[in-house]
Amino acid sequence: MRTELLTILRETDGYVSGQALCEKFGVSRTAVWKGIRQLRESGYVIEAVQNKGYRLISSPDILSENELMSIRKTEWAGQEIRCFPVVDSTNTKAQQLAEDGYPDGTLVVAEQQDAGKGRRGRSWESPRGSGIFMTLLLKPQLSPNNASMLTLVAALATASAVTEQTGRPAGIKWPNDIVMNGKKICGILTEMSAQTDYINHVVIGIGINVHNDSFPDEISCMATSLFLETGKHFNRAALIEAVLERFEHYYAVFRKTEDLSALVHEYDACLVNAHQKVRVLDPKEPFEGKAMGITPRGELIVDTWESRRLVSAGEVSVRGVYGYV
């Protein structure tokens, strides 16, 4: 009942009477009061006025199933939500849930990760309460050869959501790092379980630095947070909902053609590498050139002044010639 209580309190302009809540849920006033008390104990500020009812004054910055479900506006993303105080990795947990039969669109969120994963086996710092550590589970009817493009779809959705929520421009460092002022605020890791011609499931992990006020010396030159960039704290649940809404939109566009042909222009507009000198760290043959945007398959077009080369994500990293971007 707490989720429904929160939803009604949020949707009501003014007070909602205790009697209306009793009739809505078919319970006693004591049961309604118990639900209100539990919400208050979780940090929600709810005003109670005799002969008027209840009014939600403010919400805490918590990541709970009640909070996320009460603000959910998506059609299928987040239809099931599982929140955990601590997990090893939200991607790992989502993979386990997929094998247990959880549906397409299941969302896994954690306050802290003990073994967060980044690209190419790197770890992702996941201190408690500082950021967003989430994974969306997909079970798409899609060729496995096209699944890697989902990472770029998620990057576009996340950059759009961050820009919308903060009012500050967020860009993409190809293929899937979200950056502000030349520093990384978000990493995305997509993992797939598939047969030769069939996808069992895909998990898209998104880690966003939100409240961090500092970073270890070894990464402080390339990592930042929304707080460090804006001086403001943001509601993490609202940001998660924004990411899910934007992902649903871009995913629907992607599914029409199963490529990025309809999203190339918008992605390129967010690409901080665009028309910049980059170093492609290909273990077989590193090279430099100018990034020119992406192809409909999500490959990075690099002009080497001798020819144009197409770079696929995989095990290749791209850096600016003079720094991270």
Protein backbone atom coordinates (compact mmCIF):
# COMPACT_ATOMS: atom_id res chain seq x y z
CA MET A 1 0.00 0.00 0.00
CA ARG A 2 2.93 2.38 0.56
CA THR A 3 3.65 2.66 -3.15
CA GLU A 4 0.01 3.49 -3.89
CA LEU A 5 -0.05 5.98 -1.00
CA LEU A 6 2.99 7.77 -2.39
CA THR A 7 1.52 7.82 -5.87
CA ILE A 8 -1.75 9.39 -4.69
CA LEU A 9 0.01 11.93 -2.46
CA ARG A 10 2.21 12.96 -5.41
CA GLU A 11 -0.67 13.20 -7.86
CA THR A 12 -2.95 15.17 -5.54
CA ASP A 13 -2.78 18.96 -5.74
CA GLY A 14 -3.24 19.82 -2.07
CA TYR A 15 -4.53 17.53 0.63
CA VAL A 16 -6.08 14.09 0.28
CA SER A 17 -8.48 13.10 3.03
CA GLY A 18 -8.01 10.07 5.21
CA GLN A 19 -11.53 8.97 4.32
CA ALA A 20 -10.74 9.09 0.60
CA LEU A 21 -7.69 6.94 1.21
CA CYS A 22 -9.72 4.45 3.25
CA GLU A 23 -12.25 4.15 0.44
CA LYS A 24 -9.53 3.91 -2.21
CA PHE A 25 -7.76 1.00 -0.53
CA GLY A 26 -10.71 -0.55 1.28
CA VAL A 27 -8.93 -0.36 4.64
CA SER A 28 -9.43 1.30 8.02
CA ARG A 29 -8.14 4.72 9.06
CA THR A 30 -5.71 2.89 11.34
CA ALA A 31 -4.23 1.08 8.34
CA VAL A 32 -3.89 4.36 6.44
CA TRP A 33 -2.20 6.00 9.43
CA LYS A 34 0.17 3.06 9.72
CA GLY A 35 1.15 3.49 6.07
CA ILE A 36 1.71 7.23 6.56
CA ARG A 37 3.83 6.53 9.65
CA GLN A 38 5.99 4.03 7.75
CA LEU A 39 6.57 6.57 4.98
CA ARG A 40 7.56 9.20 7.55
CA GLU A 41 9.97 6.74 9.15
CA SER A 42 11.58 6.32 5.70
CA GLY A 43 12.21 10.07 5.51
CA TYR A 44 9.13 11.42 3.73
CA VAL A 45 7.78 14.67 5.17
CA ILE A 46 3.99 14.36 5.19
CA GLU A 47 1.77 17.03 6.70
CA ALA A 48 -1.43 15.98 8.44
CA VAL A 49 -4.14 18.62 9.02
CA GLN A 50 -7.44 17.90 10.75
CA ASN A 51 -10.45 18.08 8.42
CA LYS A 52 -8.13 18.38 5.41
CA GLY A 53 -6.05 15.21 5.33
CA TYR A 54 -2.50 14.51 4.23
CA ARG A 55 -0.08 16.36 1.98
CA LEU A 56 3.38 15.30 0.81
CA ILE A 57 5.86 18.09 1.56
CA SER A 58 9.16 16.51 0.51
CA SER A 59 10.77 13.20 -0.40
CA PRO A 60 14.12 11.82 0.74
CA ASP A 61 16.87 10.88 -1.69
CA ILE A 62 16.39 7.15 -1.34
CA LEU A 63 16.34 4.33 -3.85
CA SER A 64 13.54 2.00 -2.86
CA GLU A 65 10.98 0.01 -4.79
CA ASN A 66 8.21 2.15 -3.26
CA GLU A 67 9.87 5.39 -4.35
CA LEU A 68 10.71 4.26 -7.88
CA MET A 69 7.35 2.63 -8.54
CA SER A 70 5.42 5.66 -7.25
CA ILE A 71 7.03 7.97 -9.84
CA ARG A 72 7.13 5.47 -12.72
CA LYS A 73 5.68 6.75 -15.99
CA THR A 74 7.23 4.24 -18.41
CA GLU A 75 5.27 1.62 -20.32
CA TRP A 76 7.54 -1.40 -19.78
CA ALA A 77 10.94 -0.29 -18.45
CA GLY A 78 10.93 -0.85 -14.72
CA GLN A 79 7.78 -2.97 -14.73
CA GLU A 80 9.59 -5.02 -12.10
CA ILE A 81 11.99 -3.21 -9.74
CA ARG A 82 14.38 -4.83 -7.29
CA CYS A 83 16.36 -2.60 -4.94
CA PHE A 84 19.24 -3.78 -2.75
CA PRO A 85 21.35 -2.07 -0.06
CA VAL A 86 24.48 -3.81 -1.37
CA VAL A 87 25.23 -6.14 -4.30
CA ASP A 88 28.43 -7.30 -5.90
CA SER A 89 27.30 -5.88 -9.25
CA THR A 90 23.87 -4.85 -10.49
CA ASN A 91 24.71 -6.50 -13.83
CA THR A 92 25.47 -9.79 -12.11
CA LYS A 93 22.27 -9.56 -10.06
CA ALA A 94 20.22 -8.77 -13.19
CA GLN A 95 21.71 -11.77 -14.97
CA GLN A 96 20.68 -13.97 -12.05
CA LEU A 97 17.14 -12.55 -12.15
CA ALA A 98 16.98 -13.18 -15.90
CA GLU A 99 17.81 -16.82 -15.33
CA ASP A 100 15.12 -16.93 -12.62
CA GLY A 101 12.51 -15.83 -15.15
CA TYR A 102 12.18 -12.13 -14.41
CA PRO A 103 10.62 -10.30 -17.37
CA ASP A 104 11.89 -7.90 -19.99
CA GLY A 105 12.19 -4.43 -18.45
CA THR A 106 13.19 -5.54 -14.96
CA LEU A 107 15.27 -2.89 -13.21
CA VAL A 108 17.93 -3.64 -10.59
CA VAL A 109 19.14 -0.80 -8.36
CA ALA A 110 21.66 -0.82 -5.52
CA GLU A 111 22.84 1.77 -3.01
CA GLN A 112 26.31 0.24 -3.15
CA GLN A 113 28.29 -2.27 -5.22
CA ASP A 114 31.13 -4.35 -3.85
CA ALA A 115 32.40 -5.39 -7.28
CA GLY A 116 31.07 -2.90 -9.82
CA LYS A 117 32.18 -3.65 -13.36
CA GLY A 118 33.40 -1.37 -16.13
CA ARG A 119 34.51 -1.99 -19.69
CA ARG A 120 37.44 -4.30 -20.37
CA GLY A 121 37.36 -5.77 -16.87
CA ARG A 122 37.91 -2.50 -15.03
CA SER A 123 36.24 -1.85 -11.70
CA TRP A 124 33.73 0.95 -11.11
CA GLU A 125 33.82 2.87 -7.82
CA SER A 126 30.44 2.45 -6.11
CA PRO A 127 30.41 4.09 -2.64
CA ARG A 128 27.14 3.96 -0.71
CA GLY A 129 24.63 6.71 -1.32
CA SER A 130 26.85 8.65 -3.71
CA GLY A 131 25.55 7.59 -7.09
CA ILE A 132 23.22 5.58 -9.24
CA PHE A 133 24.06 1.92 -9.80
CA MET A 134 21.37 0.41 -11.97
CA THR A 135 20.90 -2.31 -14.57
CA LEU A 136 18.05 -2.74 -17.02
CA LEU A 137 17.24 -6.28 -18.12
CA LEU A 138 16.15 -6.77 -21.73
CA LYS A 139 14.94 -9.85 -23.54
CA PRO A 140 14.81 -8.51 -27.09
CA GLN A 141 13.86 -10.42 -30.22
CA LEU A 142 16.96 -9.14 -31.93
CA SER A 143 19.93 -10.56 -33.82
CA PRO A 144 22.93 -10.98 -31.50
CA ASN A 145 24.95 -9.12 -34.13
CA ASN A 146 22.94 -5.98 -33.41
CA ALA A 147 23.03 -6.08 -29.61
CA SER A 148 26.21 -4.02 -29.24
CA MET A 149 24.34 -0.96 -30.55
CA LEU A 150 22.17 -1.02 -27.43
CA THR A 151 25.12 0.47 -25.54
CA LEU A 152 24.97 3.57 -27.73
CA VAL A 153 21.18 3.74 -27.33
CA ALA A 154 21.68 3.72 -23.55
CA ALA A 155 24.38 6.39 -23.80
CA LEU A 156 22.09 8.68 -25.78
CA ALA A 157 19.26 8.13 -23.29
CA THR A 158 21.49 8.81 -20.30
CA ALA A 159 23.08 11.95 -21.75
CA SER A 160 19.62 13.28 -22.61
CA ALA A 161 18.26 12.51 -19.13
CA VAL A 162 21.23 14.09 -17.34
CA THR A 163 20.93 17.24 -19.46
CA GLU A 164 17.21 17.41 -18.78
CA GLN A 165 17.54 16.91 -15.02
CA THR A 166 20.55 19.18 -14.41
CA GLY A 167 20.09 21.87 -17.03
CA ARG A 168 23.74 21.39 -17.95
CA PRO A 169 24.93 19.82 -21.23
CA ALA A 170 26.13 16.24 -20.97
CA GLY A 171 28.00 14.72 -23.91
CA ILE A 172 29.11 11.28 -25.03
CA LYS A 173 32.67 10.11 -25.43
CA TRP A 174 32.33 7.30 -27.94
CA PRO A 175 30.95 4.79 -27.48
CA ASN A 176 29.29 5.11 -24.08
CA ASP A 177 30.99 7.35 -21.51
CA ILE A 178 28.89 10.34 -20.44
CA VAL A 179 30.98 13.44 -19.78
CA MET A 180 30.60 16.95 -18.42
CA ASN A 181 33.30 19.57 -18.95
CA GLY A 182 35.66 16.95 -20.31
CA LYS A 183 35.35 14.56 -17.36
CA LYS A 184 33.46 11.29 -16.97
CA ILE A 185 30.28 11.23 -14.90
CA CYS A 186 28.84 7.94 -16.11
CA GLY A 187 29.92 4.57 -17.44
CA ILE A 188 27.75 2.01 -19.23
CA LEU A 189 28.40 -1.71 -19.55
CA THR A 190 26.27 -3.98 -21.73
CA GLU A 191 26.53 -7.75 -21.37
CA MET A 192 24.71 -10.42 -23.34
CA SER A 193 23.75 -14.05 -22.98
CA ALA A 194 23.02 -15.53 -26.39
CA GLN A 195 22.92 -18.56 -28.63
CA THR A 196 24.24 -18.46 -32.19
CA ASP A 197 21.15 -16.72 -33.55
CA TYR A 198 19.12 -15.97 -30.45
CA ILE A 199 19.49 -13.60 -27.47
CA ASN A 200 18.64 -15.03 -24.08
CA HIS A 201 18.96 -11.66 -22.38
CA VAL A 202 20.90 -8.42 -22.38
CA VAL A 203 21.76 -6.41 -19.27
CA ILE A 204 22.67 -2.73 -19.52
CA GLY A 205 24.46 -1.42 -16.45
CA ILE A 206 24.59 2.33 -15.87
CA GLY A 207 26.67 3.95 -13.15
CA ILE A 208 26.29 7.70 -12.58
CA ASN A 209 28.37 9.80 -10.20
CA VAL A 210 25.79 11.99 -8.48
CA HIS A 211 26.73 13.23 -5.00
CA ASN A 212 30.48 12.49 -4.98
CA ASP A 213 32.44 15.44 -3.58
CA SER A 214 35.88 14.02 -4.41
CA PHE A 215 37.67 11.20 -6.21
CA PRO A 216 40.94 9.31 -5.62
CA ASP A 217 44.00 11.11 -6.97
CA GLU A 218 44.55 8.53 -9.69
CA ILE A 219 41.20 9.31 -11.37
CA SER A 220 40.44 12.87 -10.24
CA CYS A 221 41.78 14.27 -13.51
CA MET A 222 39.17 12.36 -15.55
CA ALA A 223 36.23 11.72 -13.19
CA THR A 224 33.59 14.11 -11.92
CA SER A 225 30.06 14.10 -10.50
CA LEU A 226 26.87 16.05 -10.95
CA PHE A 227 27.49 17.72 -7.59
CA LEU A 228 31.03 18.77 -8.46
CA GLU A 229 29.87 20.20 -11.79
CA THR A 230 26.77 22.02 -10.57
CA GLY A 231 27.15 22.49 -6.81
CA LYS A 232 23.72 20.93 -6.42
CA HIS A 233 22.32 17.64 -5.16
CA PHE A 234 19.84 15.83 -7.37
CA ASN A 235 17.12 13.32 -6.56
CA ARG A 236 18.51 10.01 -7.79
CA ALA A 237 15.12 8.32 -8.19
CA ALA A 238 13.94 11.14 -10.46
CA LEU A 239 17.10 10.79 -12.54
CA ILE A 240 16.62 7.03 -12.86
CA GLU A 241 13.05 7.58 -14.04
CA ALA A 242 14.27 10.13 -16.59
CA VAL A 243 16.85 7.66 -17.93
CA LEU A 244 14.19 4.95 -18.28
CA GLU A 245 11.78 7.28 -20.07
CA ARG A 246 14.44 8.40 -22.53
CA PHE A 247 15.63 4.82 -23.05
CA GLU A 248 12.11 3.67 -23.94
CA HIS A 249 11.92 6.43 -26.54
CA TYR A 250 15.28 5.76 -28.21
CA TYR A 251 14.88 1.98 -27.95
CA ALA A 252 11.58 2.20 -29.85
CA VAL A 253 13.32 4.18 -32.59
CA PHE A 254 16.17 1.66 -32.70
CA ARG A 255 13.83 -1.34 -32.92
CA LYS A 256 12.17 -0.03 -36.08
CA THR A 257 15.35 -0.56 -38.11
CA GLU A 258 17.54 -2.56 -35.66
CA ASP A 259 20.31 -0.04 -36.23
CA LEU A 260 21.12 3.58 -35.38
CA SER A 261 20.22 5.08 -38.76
CA ALA A 262 17.46 7.24 -37.25
CA LEU A 263 19.62 8.25 -34.27
CA VAL A 264 22.96 9.06 -35.93
CA HIS A 265 22.31 12.80 -36.15
CA GLU A 266 21.23 13.10 -32.51
CA TYR A 267 24.09 10.91 -31.29
CA ASP A 268 26.65 12.91 -33.28
CA ALA A 269 25.28 16.12 -31.77
CA CYS A 270 26.19 14.73 -28.33
CA LEU A 271 29.56 13.33 -29.39
CA VAL A 272 32.33 15.24 -27.63
CA ASN A 273 34.92 13.51 -29.86
CA ALA A 274 33.33 14.91 -33.02
CA HIS A 275 35.84 16.72 -35.25
CA GLN A 276 38.52 16.26 -32.59
CA LYS A 277 41.86 14.53 -32.85
CA VAL A 278 41.70 11.12 -31.19
CA ARG A 279 44.02 8.23 -30.49
CA VAL A 280 42.53 4.80 -31.15
CA LEU A 281 44.09 2.37 -28.71
CA ASP A 282 43.81 -0.72 -30.89
CA PRO A 283 46.12 -3.40 -29.39
CA LYS A 284 46.96 -4.57 -32.90
CA GLU A 285 47.62 -1.19 -34.47
CA PRO A 286 47.15 2.07 -32.52
CA PHE A 287 46.57 5.09 -34.72
CA GLU A 288 45.48 8.71 -34.64
CA GLY A 289 42.99 10.70 -36.67
CA LYS A 290 39.99 12.98 -36.50
CA ALA A 291 36.68 11.58 -35.24
CA MET A 292 33.93 12.35 -37.74
CA GLY A 293 30.85 10.81 -36.11
CA ILE A 294 29.28 7.36 -36.17
CA THR A 295 27.87 5.03 -38.80
CA PRO A 296 24.35 3.54 -38.61
CA ARG A 297 26.03 0.51 -37.00
CA GLY A 298 27.53 2.64 -34.23
CA GLU A 299 31.11 2.46 -35.52
CA LEU A 300 33.26 5.54 -35.04
CA ILE A 301 34.40 7.13 -38.31
CA VAL A 302 38.04 8.22 -38.01
CA ASP A 303 39.73 10.28 -40.71
CA THR A 304 43.44 9.39 -40.68
CA TRP A 305 44.23 11.84 -43.51
CA GLU A 306 45.15 8.83 -45.65
CA SER A 307 41.80 7.10 -45.46
CA ARG A 308 38.68 6.80 -43.39
CA ARG A 309 38.60 3.93 -40.93
CA LEU A 310 35.67 2.48 -39.05
CA VAL A 311 36.27 1.60 -35.41
CA SER A 312 34.09 -0.92 -33.59
CA ALA A 313 33.84 -0.75 -29.80
CA GLY A 314 34.83 -4.23 -28.57
CA GLU A 315 38.24 -4.13 -26.94
CA VAL A 316 39.22 -0.81 -28.54
CA SER A 317 39.36 2.44 -26.56
CA VAL A 318 39.44 5.97 -27.90
CA ARG A 319 41.15 8.87 -26.15
CA GLY A 320 41.79 12.48 -26.98
CA VAL A 321 45.30 13.10 -28.20
CA TYR A 322 45.89 15.54 -25.34
CA GLY A 323 43.78 13.95 -22.61
CA TYR A 324 40.77 11.82 -21.69
CA VAL A 325 38.46 13.47 -24.24
